[in-house]
Amino acid sequence: MMASFFDQFASPSFLGIPLIAVAIALPWVLFPTPPSRWVNNRLITIQTWFINRFTNQLMLPLNVGGHKWALLLASLMVFLITINMLGLLPYTFTPTTQLSLNMGLAVPLWLATVIIGMRNQPTVALGHLLPEGTPIPLIPVLIIIETISLFIRPLALGVRLTANLTAGHLLIQLIATAVFVLLPMMPTVAILTAAVLFLLTLLEVAVAMIQAYVFVLLLSLYLQENV
């Protein structure tokens, strides 16, 4: 029984072909394409307003050189939110519960920020490895510690997103199973548990959006250090 709880995180396949590519491409099909008319419908207006507000907030601490990343970071934010929200629907697969996918997003983007810093301002980029005013005996130790923390950043990005979504899905499934088990024996307790499940689902909706925002926000902070 316990092992079946993790079956929801297995990548689905059809005739031996993994369907994770379909799950990744599906969110882009759901978004409406803005027409060429001046007057848009409410859905497109809300979508445009949300993307503009998020992009302005994200690009606020960055200089002009970092504004080139606006389209990439905004698209990544919308992509992660959509995948995380679709994963809360019954009988769906959440690609962002796979560490391989999250690391595939985190490592190249983090590496791009590091390469930009090394190319544009190598002295400042390397200066982050040694805080100003460090005592001479601590210089080698601090350089090693800061280097390790630099390389842990993409791992932290991927693990944070994976762990939060996986824990939420497991908790929802455990409480939902408890509701079905308690319903014939203790209906009152089952109803209270179902109310807790409803509140937890609302919390997971917030977590799905917050984790996507945190992922993109941390990438923008890494970019801010290097531009």
Protein backbone atom coordinates (compact mmCIF):
# COMPACT_ATOMS: atom_id res chain seq x y z
CA MET A 1 0.00 0.00 0.00
CA MET A 2 2.76 2.41 0.91
CA ALA A 3 4.68 1.69 -2.26
CA SER A 4 1.64 2.57 -4.40
CA PHE A 5 1.69 6.14 -3.06
CA PHE A 6 4.79 6.79 -5.15
CA ASP A 7 3.29 5.38 -8.34
CA GLN A 8 1.86 8.82 -9.14
CA PHE A 9 5.41 10.12 -9.64
CA ALA A 10 6.31 7.50 -12.25
CA SER A 11 6.62 8.91 -15.75
CA PRO A 12 3.64 7.66 -17.82
CA SER A 13 4.26 5.80 -21.05
CA PHE A 14 2.20 4.56 -23.98
CA LEU A 15 3.42 1.59 -26.01
CA GLY A 16 6.79 1.99 -24.29
CA ILE A 17 7.06 5.67 -25.30
CA PRO A 18 7.44 8.12 -22.38
CA LEU A 19 4.71 10.75 -22.36
CA ILE A 20 6.58 13.31 -20.29
CA ALA A 21 7.22 15.32 -23.47
CA VAL A 22 3.45 15.59 -24.00
CA ALA A 23 2.98 16.67 -20.38
CA ILE A 24 5.65 19.36 -20.82
CA ALA A 25 4.24 20.65 -24.13
CA LEU A 26 0.58 20.62 -23.07
CA PRO A 27 0.59 23.87 -21.02
CA TRP A 28 1.52 25.98 -24.04
CA VAL A 29 -1.53 24.70 -25.91
CA LEU A 30 -3.87 25.95 -23.17
CA PHE A 31 -2.83 29.59 -23.37
CA PRO A 32 -4.79 31.75 -25.81
CA THR A 33 -2.90 33.49 -28.58
CA PRO A 34 -3.28 37.28 -28.46
CA PRO A 35 -5.07 38.50 -31.57
CA SER A 36 -4.03 41.46 -33.69
CA ARG A 37 -7.10 43.48 -32.67
CA TRP A 38 -6.97 46.43 -30.27
CA VAL A 39 -9.81 45.10 -28.12
CA ASN A 40 -9.08 41.74 -26.46
CA ASN A 41 -11.25 39.47 -24.37
CA ARG A 42 -11.02 39.35 -20.58
CA LEU A 43 -8.86 36.22 -20.45
CA ILE A 44 -6.14 37.66 -22.67
CA THR A 45 -6.32 40.99 -20.82
CA ILE A 46 -5.79 39.28 -17.44
CA GLN A 47 -3.01 37.14 -18.87
CA THR A 48 -1.21 40.17 -20.32
CA TRP A 49 -1.64 42.18 -17.11
CA PHE A 50 -0.24 39.35 -14.99
CA ILE A 51 2.80 38.83 -17.22
CA ASN A 52 3.53 42.56 -17.40
CA ARG A 53 3.26 43.02 -13.63
CA PHE A 54 5.47 40.01 -12.94
CA THR A 55 8.07 41.06 -15.49
CA ASN A 56 8.24 44.62 -14.13
CA GLN A 57 8.63 43.34 -10.57
CA LEU A 58 11.31 40.83 -11.58
CA MET A 59 13.35 43.26 -13.67
CA LEU A 60 13.20 46.09 -11.13
CA PRO A 61 16.52 45.33 -9.34
CA LEU A 62 18.35 44.43 -12.57
CA ASN A 63 20.24 46.84 -14.77
CA VAL A 64 19.65 47.21 -18.50
CA GLY A 65 21.89 44.25 -19.35
CA GLY A 66 19.70 41.90 -17.34
CA HIS A 67 16.53 43.00 -19.10
CA LYS A 68 17.42 40.69 -21.99
CA TRP A 69 16.34 37.82 -19.73
CA ALA A 70 12.82 39.20 -19.27
CA LEU A 71 11.19 37.00 -21.92
CA LEU A 72 12.99 33.86 -20.76
CA LEU A 73 12.20 34.33 -17.06
CA ALA A 74 8.58 35.32 -17.68
CA SER A 75 8.05 32.31 -19.94
CA LEU A 76 9.67 30.02 -17.37
CA MET A 77 7.41 31.43 -14.64
CA VAL A 78 4.23 30.85 -16.67
CA PHE A 79 5.45 27.38 -17.68
CA LEU A 80 6.17 26.26 -14.10
CA ILE A 81 2.94 27.68 -12.68
CA THR A 82 0.86 25.97 -15.36
CA ILE A 83 2.56 22.59 -14.93
CA ASN A 84 2.31 22.76 -11.14
CA MET A 85 -1.37 23.73 -11.24
CA LEU A 86 -2.28 21.05 -13.79
CA GLY A 87 -0.53 18.49 -11.59
CA LEU A 88 -3.12 19.11 -8.86
CA LEU A 89 -5.92 17.80 -11.06
CA PRO A 90 -6.95 14.14 -10.57
CA TYR A 91 -5.30 11.52 -12.76
CA THR A 92 -2.63 13.88 -14.03
CA PHE A 93 1.15 13.70 -14.06
CA THR A 94 3.31 16.52 -12.70
CA PRO A 95 6.62 16.72 -14.59
CA THR A 96 8.10 19.07 -11.97
CA THR A 97 8.05 16.27 -9.39
CA GLN A 98 10.91 14.74 -11.40
CA LEU A 99 14.30 15.91 -10.16
CA SER A 100 15.83 15.30 -13.59
CA LEU A 101 13.51 17.85 -15.23
CA ASN A 102 14.07 20.47 -12.52
CA MET A 103 17.84 20.01 -12.66
CA GLY A 104 17.64 20.23 -16.44
CA LEU A 105 16.07 23.66 -16.01
CA ALA A 106 18.22 24.85 -13.10
CA VAL A 107 21.72 23.84 -14.20
CA PRO A 108 21.82 25.47 -17.68
CA LEU A 109 20.22 28.71 -16.48
CA TRP A 110 22.49 28.94 -13.43
CA LEU A 111 25.52 28.14 -15.59
CA ALA A 112 24.48 30.87 -18.05
CA THR A 113 24.45 33.47 -15.25
CA VAL A 114 27.91 32.36 -14.10
CA ILE A 115 29.32 32.48 -17.64
CA ILE A 116 27.86 35.96 -18.18
CA GLY A 117 29.52 37.17 -14.98
CA MET A 118 32.86 35.63 -15.89
CA ARG A 119 32.76 37.14 -19.37
CA ASN A 120 31.51 40.64 -18.58
CA GLN A 121 33.08 41.34 -15.18
CA PRO A 122 35.41 38.52 -14.09
CA THR A 123 36.91 40.51 -11.22
CA VAL A 124 33.53 41.19 -9.62
CA ALA A 125 32.34 37.62 -10.24
CA LEU A 126 35.41 36.13 -8.60
CA GLY A 127 35.19 38.73 -5.83
CA HIS A 128 32.00 37.06 -4.57
CA LEU A 129 34.14 34.09 -3.52
CA LEU A 130 36.01 36.20 -0.95
CA PRO A 131 34.13 38.72 1.23
CA GLU A 132 35.84 42.03 1.83
CA GLY A 133 37.81 42.34 5.07
CA THR A 134 38.41 38.61 5.50
CA PRO A 135 41.36 37.77 7.79
CA ILE A 136 44.31 36.29 5.90
CA PRO A 137 44.29 32.90 7.70
CA LEU A 138 40.61 32.37 6.72
CA ILE A 139 41.03 33.22 3.03
CA PRO A 140 41.63 29.63 1.75
CA VAL A 141 38.79 28.22 3.85
CA LEU A 142 36.31 30.89 2.80
CA ILE A 143 37.20 30.50 -0.89
CA ILE A 144 36.48 26.77 -0.65
CA ILE A 145 33.22 27.34 1.23
CA GLU A 146 31.99 30.01 -1.21
CA THR A 147 32.93 27.85 -4.19
CA ILE A 148 30.97 24.92 -2.77
CA SER A 149 27.98 27.16 -2.06
CA LEU A 150 28.17 28.46 -5.65
CA PHE A 151 27.99 24.96 -7.12
CA ILE A 152 25.21 23.92 -4.71
CA ARG A 153 22.89 26.64 -6.04
CA PRO A 154 21.44 24.69 -9.01
CA LEU A 155 21.05 21.60 -6.82
CA ALA A 156 19.13 23.67 -4.25
CA LEU A 157 16.89 25.07 -7.00
CA GLY A 158 15.97 21.66 -8.34
CA VAL A 159 15.63 19.88 -4.98
CA ARG A 160 13.50 22.68 -3.47
CA LEU A 161 10.95 22.55 -6.27
CA THR A 162 10.89 18.74 -6.37
CA ALA A 163 10.65 18.25 -2.60
CA ASN A 164 7.86 20.77 -2.05
CA LEU A 165 5.66 19.43 -4.83
CA THR A 166 6.34 15.78 -3.98
CA ALA A 167 5.57 16.30 -0.29
CA GLY A 168 2.33 18.11 -1.11
CA HIS A 169 1.12 15.41 -3.49
CA LEU A 170 1.95 12.66 -1.02
CA LEU A 171 0.16 14.47 1.81
CA ILE A 172 -2.96 14.98 -0.32
CA GLN A 173 -3.02 11.31 -1.29
CA LEU A 174 -2.51 10.15 2.31
CA ILE A 175 -5.35 12.31 3.64
CA ALA A 176 -7.63 11.36 0.73
CA THR A 177 -6.98 7.69 1.47
CA ALA A 178 -7.79 8.31 5.13
CA VAL A 179 -11.11 9.89 4.14
CA PHE A 180 -12.14 6.83 2.11
CA VAL A 181 -11.08 4.45 4.88
CA LEU A 182 -12.84 6.39 7.67
CA LEU A 183 -16.07 7.11 5.77
CA PRO A 184 -17.86 3.76 6.42
CA MET A 185 -16.58 3.49 10.02
CA MET A 186 -16.60 7.07 11.35
CA PRO A 187 -18.49 9.42 9.03
CA THR A 188 -18.06 12.46 11.28
CA VAL A 189 -14.29 12.07 11.45
CA ALA A 190 -14.23 11.44 7.69
CA ILE A 191 -16.08 14.71 7.03
CA LEU A 192 -13.67 16.63 9.25
CA THR A 193 -10.76 14.97 7.46
CA ALA A 194 -12.29 15.93 4.10
CA ALA A 195 -12.46 19.54 5.29
CA VAL A 196 -8.77 19.35 6.17
CA LEU A 197 -8.13 17.89 2.71
CA PHE A 198 -9.93 20.83 1.09
CA LEU A 199 -7.84 23.33 3.06
CA LEU A 200 -4.68 21.41 2.19
CA THR A 201 -5.61 21.51 -1.49
CA LEU A 202 -5.95 25.29 -1.31
CA LEU A 203 -2.55 25.41 0.38
CA GLU A 204 -1.05 23.29 -2.37
CA VAL A 205 -2.44 25.65 -5.00
CA ALA A 206 -0.59 28.47 -3.25
CA VAL A 207 2.56 26.33 -2.93
CA ALA A 208 2.45 25.50 -6.65
CA MET A 209 2.47 29.20 -7.53
CA ILE A 210 4.93 30.25 -4.83
CA GLN A 211 7.49 27.59 -5.71
CA ALA A 212 7.42 28.61 -9.38
CA TYR A 213 7.91 32.22 -8.34
CA VAL A 214 10.76 31.35 -5.96
CA PHE A 215 12.51 29.32 -8.67
CA VAL A 216 12.47 32.25 -11.10
CA LEU A 217 13.20 34.83 -8.40
CA LEU A 218 16.35 33.04 -7.28
CA LEU A 219 17.51 32.80 -10.88
CA SER A 220 17.02 36.56 -11.24
CA LEU A 221 19.05 37.12 -8.05
CA TYR A 222 21.86 34.98 -9.42
CA LEU A 223 21.67 37.01 -12.62
CA GLN A 224 21.77 40.26 -10.63
CA GLU A 225 25.10 39.26 -9.13
CA ASN A 226 26.64 38.77 -12.56
CA VAL A 227 25.34 41.64 -14.71
